Amino acid sequence: MDIQITPRRLSGTVTPPPSKSIAHRLLIAAALGGGASTVRNVTFSQDIEATLRCMEALGARWERPAEDCVCLTGVGGAPRTFAELPRFDCGESGSTLRFLIPIALAVAGGGVFTGRGRLMERPQKPYFDLFDEKGIFYEQKDGVLTIRGRLTPGAYRLPGNVSSQFFTGLLFALPLLDGPSAIASTTALESAGYITMTLEAMETAGVSAAADSAAFAVSPAAYQPFAGTVEADWSQAAFWYAAIALGSPIGLEGLNLESAQGDMEVADHYLRLSVPGEVEIDVSGCPDLLPPLAVMAAIRQGTTRFVNAARLRIKESDRLATTAALLNTLGGQAEEGPDSLTVYGVPAFSGGTVDGANDHRIVMAAAIAATASRAPVTILGAEAVNKSYPSFWDDYQRLGGEIHVL
């Protein structure tokens, strides 16, 4: 779907959608439990549907008694025998893929993983290095990853500067084993807030892991049924913060001001970008914030440099390249480096056509940029928002945005 947006300020109040990151974690914890759990305030985005589909392949059952509610009966966590390796269609969800790989080894003795878009191009080397060490078979060929074997209790060491998702996958899986294990990071641990969310989801299901800086001790434990609620998503709130920075009087509701979500940093970055001058922002701990922060930076007096951003090249798109292209196409000024993005402030966007690059965050960033544009903005592939925020266009129009489907 291609759309054209007529520039205008937005106004009103909006509640960001439920956190996709927390929903993934609660649903997985529920699926590993031995009974029926209920998770409320769930948005059925494409990524969440991928996680539910994969937990079903593992043997869990779920139903949807209400639009935003999932009742899920878990597999009990104990190793099970499958006639053949289960197949996991992860869609375009990197979280689903990386979380499920060690869980599949612990519960099913492996699995066959597929995906769409750029998903199967994302690096899995931290897992592969562990598999070489532990004697676990893996093969990646023609966009299909096959793994076979069983996790064993013991020590696991992996780099913390690639993705916290590898730590989350292991944290979920290791309590299912019959002995204690430990996870240690061989580098500085980035995106630690996401690991905190994982530990909180595990604790909701009655499983705890001792955390000490970049090390975690895990003992055998059974996941218990629970009732949980997903809080609002700070990473999606970031786009509305960007709209506010560009002059739209929007009120945000429903956010947890004591959240473990690392993307809560957007509130501090918004304040830094609201005054003139030179600013440097390290996005190693909040890479998903780059597109909306870059839009904020584009319409301000001063230069903004986003650093430690190499991981953004392996998202749904190469987000350093696509964010720079978005800004430059619309009349901004941005230069990408190997692991950085430099944005030079301009008075306003001039309008133009943005390739959404099948990336939900690029599409939403372009929509917010349109609120401060002197001419219409056309977005190609606007349906990409369904990956994480299916109601984005409804909220945008409710706040006064004018959208024309081409």
Protein backbone atom coordinates (compact mmCIF):
# COMPACT_ATOMS: atom_id res chain seq x y z
CA MET A 1 0.00 0.00 0.00
CA ASP A 2 1.37 3.40 -1.04
CA ILE A 3 0.02 6.55 0.57
CA GLN A 4 0.38 10.30 0.34
CA ILE A 5 0.25 12.45 3.46
CA THR A 6 -0.88 16.06 3.35
CA PRO A 7 1.30 17.96 5.83
CA ARG A 8 -0.39 19.14 8.98
CA ARG A 9 0.24 19.17 12.70
CA LEU A 10 -1.32 16.46 14.83
CA SER A 11 -3.14 17.08 18.10
CA GLY A 12 -4.92 15.15 20.82
CA THR A 13 -3.99 12.28 23.11
CA VAL A 14 -2.75 8.81 22.25
CA THR A 15 -1.92 5.65 24.16
CA PRO A 16 0.96 3.76 22.53
CA PRO A 17 0.25 0.11 21.74
CA PRO A 18 1.28 -2.67 24.12
CA SER A 19 4.98 -3.44 24.23
CA LYS A 20 5.86 -6.03 21.62
CA SER A 21 9.04 -6.90 23.53
CA ILE A 22 7.16 -7.63 26.75
CA ALA A 23 4.39 -9.52 24.95
CA HIS A 24 6.92 -11.86 23.28
CA ARG A 25 8.42 -12.64 26.67
CA LEU A 26 5.18 -13.18 28.58
CA LEU A 27 3.76 -15.41 25.85
CA ILE A 28 6.89 -17.55 25.80
CA ALA A 29 6.95 -17.83 29.60
CA ALA A 30 3.29 -18.88 29.48
CA ALA A 31 3.97 -21.45 26.77
CA LEU A 32 6.70 -23.04 28.87
CA GLY A 33 4.39 -23.38 31.87
CA GLY A 34 2.52 -26.48 32.92
CA GLY A 35 -1.01 -25.09 32.81
CA ALA A 36 -3.20 -22.29 31.50
CA SER A 37 -2.01 -18.68 31.61
CA THR A 38 -3.70 -15.46 30.53
CA VAL A 39 -1.88 -12.53 28.95
CA ARG A 40 -3.91 -9.36 28.47
CA ASN A 41 -3.36 -6.17 26.47
CA VAL A 42 -1.73 -7.95 23.55
CA THR A 43 -1.62 -6.39 20.08
CA PHE A 44 -1.77 -9.07 17.40
CA SER A 45 0.99 -7.66 15.23
CA GLN A 46 2.76 -9.85 12.69
CA ASP A 47 5.68 -10.41 15.07
CA ILE A 48 3.44 -11.51 17.94
CA GLU A 49 1.54 -13.82 15.61
CA ALA A 50 4.90 -15.36 14.67
CA THR A 51 5.72 -16.11 18.31
CA LEU A 52 2.28 -17.65 18.91
CA ARG A 53 2.65 -19.74 15.75
CA CYS A 54 6.04 -21.03 16.91
CA MET A 55 4.87 -21.83 20.43
CA GLU A 56 2.01 -23.78 18.87
CA ALA A 57 4.57 -25.73 16.80
CA LEU A 58 6.30 -26.56 20.09
CA GLY A 59 3.05 -28.04 21.42
CA ALA A 60 1.41 -25.12 23.23
CA ARG A 61 -2.26 -24.33 22.63
CA TRP A 62 -3.81 -20.89 22.65
CA GLU A 63 -7.09 -19.12 22.08
CA ARG A 64 -8.20 -15.51 21.87
CA PRO A 65 -11.26 -14.96 24.09
CA ALA A 66 -11.09 -11.20 23.53
CA GLU A 67 -9.45 -8.94 20.98
CA ASP A 68 -6.45 -8.16 23.19
CA CYS A 69 -6.30 -11.31 25.32
CA VAL A 70 -4.49 -14.64 24.90
CA CYS A 71 -5.25 -17.74 26.97
CA LEU A 72 -2.35 -20.12 26.51
CA THR A 73 -1.87 -23.69 27.73
CA GLY A 74 1.82 -24.46 28.00
CA VAL A 75 3.95 -27.50 27.25
CA GLY A 76 5.26 -27.89 30.79
CA GLY A 77 8.86 -27.26 29.79
CA ALA A 78 10.04 -30.85 30.06
CA PRO A 79 11.85 -32.38 27.06
CA ARG A 80 9.42 -33.99 24.66
CA THR A 81 9.73 -36.49 21.83
CA PHE A 82 8.72 -35.37 18.35
CA ALA A 83 8.36 -37.71 15.38
CA GLU A 84 10.37 -35.18 13.39
CA LEU A 85 11.92 -31.83 14.16
CA PRO A 86 9.21 -29.18 14.57
CA ARG A 87 9.14 -26.39 12.01
CA PHE A 88 9.10 -22.79 13.16
CA ASP A 89 7.92 -20.06 10.77
CA CYS A 90 9.30 -16.92 12.40
CA GLY A 91 7.96 -14.48 9.82
CA GLU A 92 10.16 -11.39 10.05
CA SER A 93 10.55 -11.49 13.83
CA GLY A 94 14.16 -11.51 14.98
CA SER A 95 13.02 -11.86 18.59
CA THR A 96 11.00 -14.96 17.78
CA LEU A 97 13.87 -16.61 15.94
CA ARG A 98 16.59 -15.94 18.50
CA PHE A 99 14.41 -16.64 21.52
CA LEU A 100 13.17 -19.95 20.13
CA ILE A 101 16.47 -21.48 18.99
CA PRO A 102 17.69 -22.56 22.48
CA ILE A 103 14.13 -23.25 23.67
CA ALA A 104 13.65 -25.66 20.75
CA LEU A 105 16.86 -27.46 21.71
CA ALA A 106 15.77 -27.76 25.34
CA VAL A 107 12.20 -28.90 24.66
CA ALA A 108 12.24 -30.62 21.27
CA GLY A 109 15.86 -31.50 20.58
CA GLY A 110 16.03 -28.91 17.81
CA GLY A 111 13.94 -27.53 15.01
CA VAL A 112 13.76 -26.20 11.47
CA PHE A 113 13.52 -22.40 11.30
CA THR A 114 12.33 -20.30 8.39
CA GLY A 115 11.50 -16.63 7.93
CA ARG A 116 10.78 -13.86 5.47
CA GLY A 117 12.37 -10.62 4.37
CA ARG A 118 15.90 -10.22 5.74
CA LEU A 119 15.28 -12.34 8.83
CA MET A 120 17.40 -15.36 7.93
CA GLU A 121 20.29 -13.06 6.98
CA ARG A 122 20.60 -11.83 10.54
CA PRO A 123 23.74 -13.14 12.23
CA GLN A 124 23.48 -16.12 14.56
CA LYS A 125 27.22 -16.54 15.16
CA PRO A 126 27.04 -16.29 18.97
CA TYR A 127 24.76 -19.33 18.95
CA PHE A 128 26.82 -21.14 16.32
CA ASP A 129 30.00 -20.68 18.33
CA LEU A 130 28.24 -22.17 21.36
CA PHE A 131 26.93 -25.05 19.26
CA ASP A 132 30.44 -25.84 18.03
CA GLU A 133 31.59 -25.92 21.65
CA LYS A 134 28.66 -28.04 22.87
CA GLY A 135 28.51 -30.47 19.94
CA ILE A 136 25.12 -29.33 18.64
CA PHE A 137 24.42 -29.77 14.92
CA TYR A 138 23.39 -26.76 12.86
CA GLU A 139 23.06 -26.06 9.16
CA GLN A 140 21.92 -22.88 7.43
CA LYS A 141 21.13 -23.32 3.77
CA ASP A 142 18.83 -21.55 1.31
CA GLY A 143 17.19 -19.47 4.02
CA VAL A 144 16.49 -22.44 6.30
CA LEU A 145 18.22 -23.05 9.62
CA THR A 146 18.21 -26.59 11.01
CA ILE A 147 19.48 -27.35 14.52
CA ARG A 148 19.59 -30.72 16.26
CA GLY A 149 20.75 -31.72 19.74
CA ARG A 150 20.13 -30.99 23.40
CA LEU A 151 21.33 -28.20 25.60
CA THR A 152 23.27 -29.42 28.62
CA PRO A 153 23.77 -27.66 31.95
CA GLY A 154 27.01 -25.76 32.32
CA ALA A 155 28.79 -22.54 31.40
CA TYR A 156 27.77 -20.43 28.42
CA ARG A 157 29.87 -17.50 27.23
CA LEU A 158 28.82 -15.19 24.42
CA PRO A 159 29.41 -11.58 23.33
CA GLY A 160 27.09 -8.94 24.72
CA ASN A 161 27.64 -6.42 21.92
CA VAL A 162 25.81 -8.27 19.13
CA SER A 163 22.28 -8.61 20.51
CA SER A 164 20.71 -9.15 23.92
CA GLN A 165 18.31 -11.56 22.19
CA PHE A 166 20.88 -14.37 22.47
CA PHE A 167 20.96 -13.92 26.24
CA THR A 168 17.17 -13.93 26.42
CA GLY A 169 16.91 -17.17 24.47
CA LEU A 170 19.34 -18.91 26.82
CA LEU A 171 17.77 -17.44 29.94
CA PHE A 172 14.40 -18.87 28.93
CA ALA A 173 15.82 -22.29 28.03
CA LEU A 174 18.39 -23.07 30.74
CA PRO A 175 15.91 -23.43 33.66
CA LEU A 176 14.39 -26.35 31.73
CA LEU A 177 17.60 -28.38 32.10
CA ASP A 178 18.36 -30.82 34.93
CA GLY A 179 21.29 -28.92 36.41
CA PRO A 180 22.57 -25.40 37.12
CA SER A 181 24.02 -23.20 34.38
CA ALA A 182 25.73 -19.84 34.08
CA ILE A 183 25.79 -17.25 31.31
CA ALA A 184 28.62 -14.72 31.05
CA SER A 185 29.17 -11.91 28.57
CA THR A 186 32.62 -11.71 27.01
CA THR A 187 32.16 -8.01 26.21
CA ALA A 188 30.32 -5.04 27.64
CA LEU A 189 26.63 -5.93 27.73
CA GLU A 190 24.50 -3.69 25.51
CA SER A 191 20.70 -3.32 25.59
CA ALA A 192 20.66 -4.53 29.18
CA GLY A 193 17.11 -3.23 29.62
CA TYR A 194 15.84 -5.97 27.31
CA ILE A 195 17.44 -8.62 29.52
CA THR A 196 15.78 -7.03 32.55
CA MET A 197 12.44 -7.42 30.77
CA THR A 198 13.25 -11.09 30.23
CA LEU A 199 14.08 -11.63 33.89
CA GLU A 200 10.83 -9.89 34.90
CA ALA A 201 8.78 -12.11 32.56
CA MET A 202 10.48 -15.22 33.98
CA GLU A 203 9.77 -14.06 37.52
CA THR A 204 6.11 -13.55 36.60
CA ALA A 205 6.10 -17.27 35.78
CA GLY A 206 7.87 -18.18 39.02
CA VAL A 207 11.38 -18.63 37.59
CA SER A 208 14.28 -16.54 38.82
CA ALA A 209 17.86 -16.09 37.65
CA ALA A 210 20.59 -14.44 39.71
CA ALA A 211 22.05 -11.48 37.84
CA ASP A 212 25.41 -9.90 38.59
CA SER A 213 26.46 -7.24 36.08
CA ALA A 214 26.97 -9.19 32.83
CA ALA A 215 26.67 -12.67 34.38
CA PHE A 216 23.63 -14.79 35.18
CA ALA A 217 23.22 -17.93 37.29
CA VAL A 218 20.31 -20.20 36.38
CA SER A 219 19.01 -23.18 38.34
CA PRO A 220 16.47 -25.82 37.25
CA ALA A 221 12.92 -24.54 37.71
CA ALA A 222 9.40 -25.09 36.41
CA TYR A 223 7.50 -22.26 34.78
CA GLN A 224 4.18 -21.72 36.54
CA PRO A 225 0.86 -20.54 35.07
CA PHE A 226 0.12 -16.86 35.64
CA ALA A 227 -2.07 -13.92 34.67
CA GLY A 228 -0.15 -11.00 33.20
CA THR A 229 -0.75 -7.70 31.45
CA VAL A 230 1.46 -6.09 28.80
CA GLU A 231 2.37 -2.44 29.43
CA ALA A 232 2.50 0.27 26.75
CA ASP A 233 5.46 0.36 24.38
CA TRP A 234 8.10 3.07 24.82
CA SER A 235 9.69 2.30 21.44
CA GLN A 236 6.41 3.15 19.70
CA ALA A 237 5.87 6.15 21.97
CA ALA A 238 9.11 7.48 20.48
CA PHE A 239 7.34 8.33 17.22
CA TRP A 240 4.81 10.47 19.05
CA TYR A 241 7.66 12.13 20.95
CA ALA A 242 9.12 12.97 17.54
CA ALA A 243 5.81 14.48 16.46
CA ILE A 244 5.79 16.63 19.61
CA ALA A 245 9.36 17.75 18.89
CA LEU A 246 8.24 18.79 15.40
CA GLY A 247 5.44 20.96 16.79
CA SER A 248 2.40 18.72 17.25
CA PRO A 249 0.66 19.17 20.63
CA ILE A 250 0.13 15.50 21.49
CA GLY A 251 -0.46 14.06 24.96
CA LEU A 252 0.84 10.57 25.71
CA GLU A 253 -1.10 8.32 28.06
CA GLY A 254 -0.68 4.87 29.59
CA LEU A 255 3.12 4.74 29.80
CA ASN A 256 4.85 3.15 32.78
CA LEU A 257 7.30 5.73 34.12
CA GLU A 258 9.12 3.01 36.06
CA SER A 259 9.36 0.60 33.14
CA ALA A 260 12.31 -1.70 32.52
CA GLN A 261 12.06 -0.91 28.81
CA GLY A 262 15.36 0.52 27.65
CA ASP A 263 13.59 2.64 25.05
CA MET A 264 12.22 4.76 27.88
CA GLU A 265 15.44 6.71 27.18
CA VAL A 266 13.51 8.52 24.45
CA ALA A 267 12.18 10.95 27.08
CA ASP A 268 15.70 12.07 27.99
CA HIS A 269 16.84 12.24 24.37
CA TYR A 270 13.78 14.31 23.49
CA LEU A 271 14.84 16.88 26.08
CA ARG A 272 18.41 16.95 24.76
CA LEU A 273 17.19 17.48 21.21
CA SER A 274 14.75 20.23 22.19
CA VAL A 275 17.53 22.79 22.63
CA PRO A 276 20.04 24.09 20.04
CA GLY A 277 23.63 22.93 19.88
CA GLU A 278 25.85 19.95 19.18
CA VAL A 279 24.56 16.62 20.54
CA GLU A 280 25.98 13.09 20.51
CA ILE A 281 23.72 10.14 21.32
CA ASP A 282 24.95 6.60 21.89
CA VAL A 283 22.26 4.27 20.53
CA SER A 284 23.99 0.98 21.41
CA GLY A 285 21.44 0.40 24.17
CA CYS A 286 18.39 1.67 22.25
CA PRO A 287 18.94 0.98 18.52
CA ASP A 288 15.22 0.96 17.70
CA LEU A 289 15.01 4.64 18.64
CA LEU A 290 17.27 5.83 15.83
CA PRO A 291 14.61 6.57 13.16
CA PRO A 292 12.35 8.74 15.36
CA LEU A 293 15.34 10.41 17.06
CA ALA A 294 16.82 11.18 13.65
CA VAL A 295 13.56 12.85 12.60
CA MET A 296 13.69 14.97 15.77
CA ALA A 297 17.32 15.85 15.02
CA ALA A 298 16.56 16.86 11.44
CA ILE A 299 14.41 19.85 12.44
CA ARG A 300 16.53 21.58 15.05
CA GLN A 301 19.37 24.08 15.26
CA GLY A 302 22.57 22.13 15.48
CA THR A 303 24.26 18.89 14.50
CA THR A 304 23.37 15.55 16.02
CA ARG A 305 25.66 12.52 15.84
CA PHE A 306 24.30 9.05 16.58
CA VAL A 307 27.12 6.64 17.43
CA ASN A 308 27.68 2.94 18.15
CA ALA A 309 24.96 2.12 15.67
CA ALA A 310 26.45 -0.71 13.61
CA ARG A 311 23.71 -3.15 14.68
CA LEU A 312 21.18 -1.04 12.81
CA ARG A 313 22.52 -2.38 9.54
CA ILE A 314 21.04 -5.83 10.26
CA LYS A 315 17.46 -4.86 11.11
CA GLU A 316 14.44 -5.16 8.79
CA SER A 317 16.42 -2.81 6.58
CA ASP A 318 19.90 -1.34 6.84
CA ARG A 319 18.54 1.39 9.09
CA LEU A 320 21.60 3.60 8.92
CA ALA A 321 21.20 3.72 5.15
CA THR A 322 17.40 3.88 5.05
CA THR A 323 17.16 6.52 7.80
CA ALA A 324 19.71 8.69 5.97
CA ALA A 325 17.82 8.18 2.71
CA LEU A 326 14.53 9.10 4.40
CA LEU A 327 15.90 12.39 5.72
CA ASN A 328 17.77 13.35 2.57
CA THR A 329 14.84 12.50 0.30
CA LEU A 330 12.60 14.83 2.30
CA GLY A 331 15.06 17.75 2.24
CA GLY A 332 16.99 17.02 5.42
CA GLN A 333 20.74 16.59 5.65
CA ALA A 334 22.18 13.32 6.92
CA GLU A 335 25.43 11.42 6.43
CA GLU A 336 25.96 7.80 7.40
CA GLY A 337 29.23 6.37 8.63
CA PRO A 338 30.16 2.71 9.18
CA ASP A 339 28.53 2.76 12.63
CA SER A 340 27.12 6.26 12.91
CA LEU A 341 24.64 8.76 11.51
CA THR A 342 25.22 12.51 11.50
CA VAL A 343 22.19 14.76 11.08
CA TYR A 344 22.43 18.49 10.32
CA GLY A 345 19.39 20.49 11.34
CA VAL A 346 17.23 22.26 8.73
CA PRO A 347 14.18 24.52 9.21
CA ALA A 348 11.66 22.12 7.64
CA PHE A 349 11.25 19.12 5.40
CA SER A 350 10.49 19.84 1.75
CA GLY A 351 8.40 16.77 0.93
CA GLY A 352 9.01 13.92 -1.49
CA THR A 353 8.68 10.17 -1.88
CA VAL A 354 10.10 7.78 0.71
CA ASP A 355 10.77 4.11 0.11
CA GLY A 356 9.54 2.41 3.27
CA ALA A 357 12.06 -0.42 2.64
CA ASN A 358 9.58 -2.92 4.14
CA ASP A 359 10.60 -1.51 7.52
CA HIS A 360 7.89 -0.50 9.99
CA ARG A 361 10.09 2.02 11.80
CA ILE A 362 11.16 3.77 8.60
CA VAL A 363 7.53 4.07 7.52
CA MET A 364 6.42 5.53 10.86
CA ALA A 365 9.37 7.92 10.94
CA ALA A 366 8.43 9.19 7.48
CA ALA A 367 4.84 9.73 8.59
CA ILE A 368 6.01 11.86 11.51
CA ALA A 369 8.38 13.81 9.27
CA ALA A 370 5.36 14.68 7.11
CA THR A 371 3.91 16.72 9.99
CA ALA A 372 6.72 19.27 9.49
CA SER A 373 6.92 19.19 5.70
CA ARG A 374 6.25 22.04 3.27
CA ALA A 375 4.84 19.67 0.63
CA PRO A 376 3.13 16.27 0.60
CA VAL A 377 5.04 13.13 1.56
CA THR A 378 4.48 9.89 -0.31
CA ILE A 379 5.37 6.64 1.47
CA LEU A 380 5.83 3.41 -0.47
CA GLY A 381 4.93 0.22 1.39
CA ALA A 382 3.00 1.88 4.20
CA GLU A 383 1.54 -1.48 5.29
CA ALA A 384 4.88 -2.34 6.93
CA VAL A 385 3.50 -0.87 10.19
CA ASN A 386 1.55 -4.12 10.62
CA LYS A 387 4.75 -5.75 11.83
CA SER A 388 4.59 -3.95 15.17
CA TYR A 389 1.87 -1.27 15.29
CA PRO A 390 -1.17 -2.31 13.18
CA SER A 391 -3.28 0.61 14.45
CA PHE A 392 -0.68 3.27 13.66
CA TRP A 393 -2.56 4.77 10.71
CA ASP A 394 -5.82 4.77 12.68
CA ASP A 395 -4.12 6.67 15.50
CA TYR A 396 -2.44 9.01 13.03
CA GLN A 397 -5.74 9.93 11.38
CA ARG A 398 -7.53 10.22 14.71
CA LEU A 399 -4.94 12.82 15.70
CA GLY A 400 -5.75 14.81 12.56
CA GLY A 401 -3.40 13.32 9.99
CA GLU A 402 -4.60 13.40 6.38
CA ILE A 403 -3.80 10.25 4.43
CA HIS A 404 -4.65 9.39 0.82
CA VAL A 405 -4.21 5.84 -0.44
CA LEU A 406 -2.67 5.86 -3.92
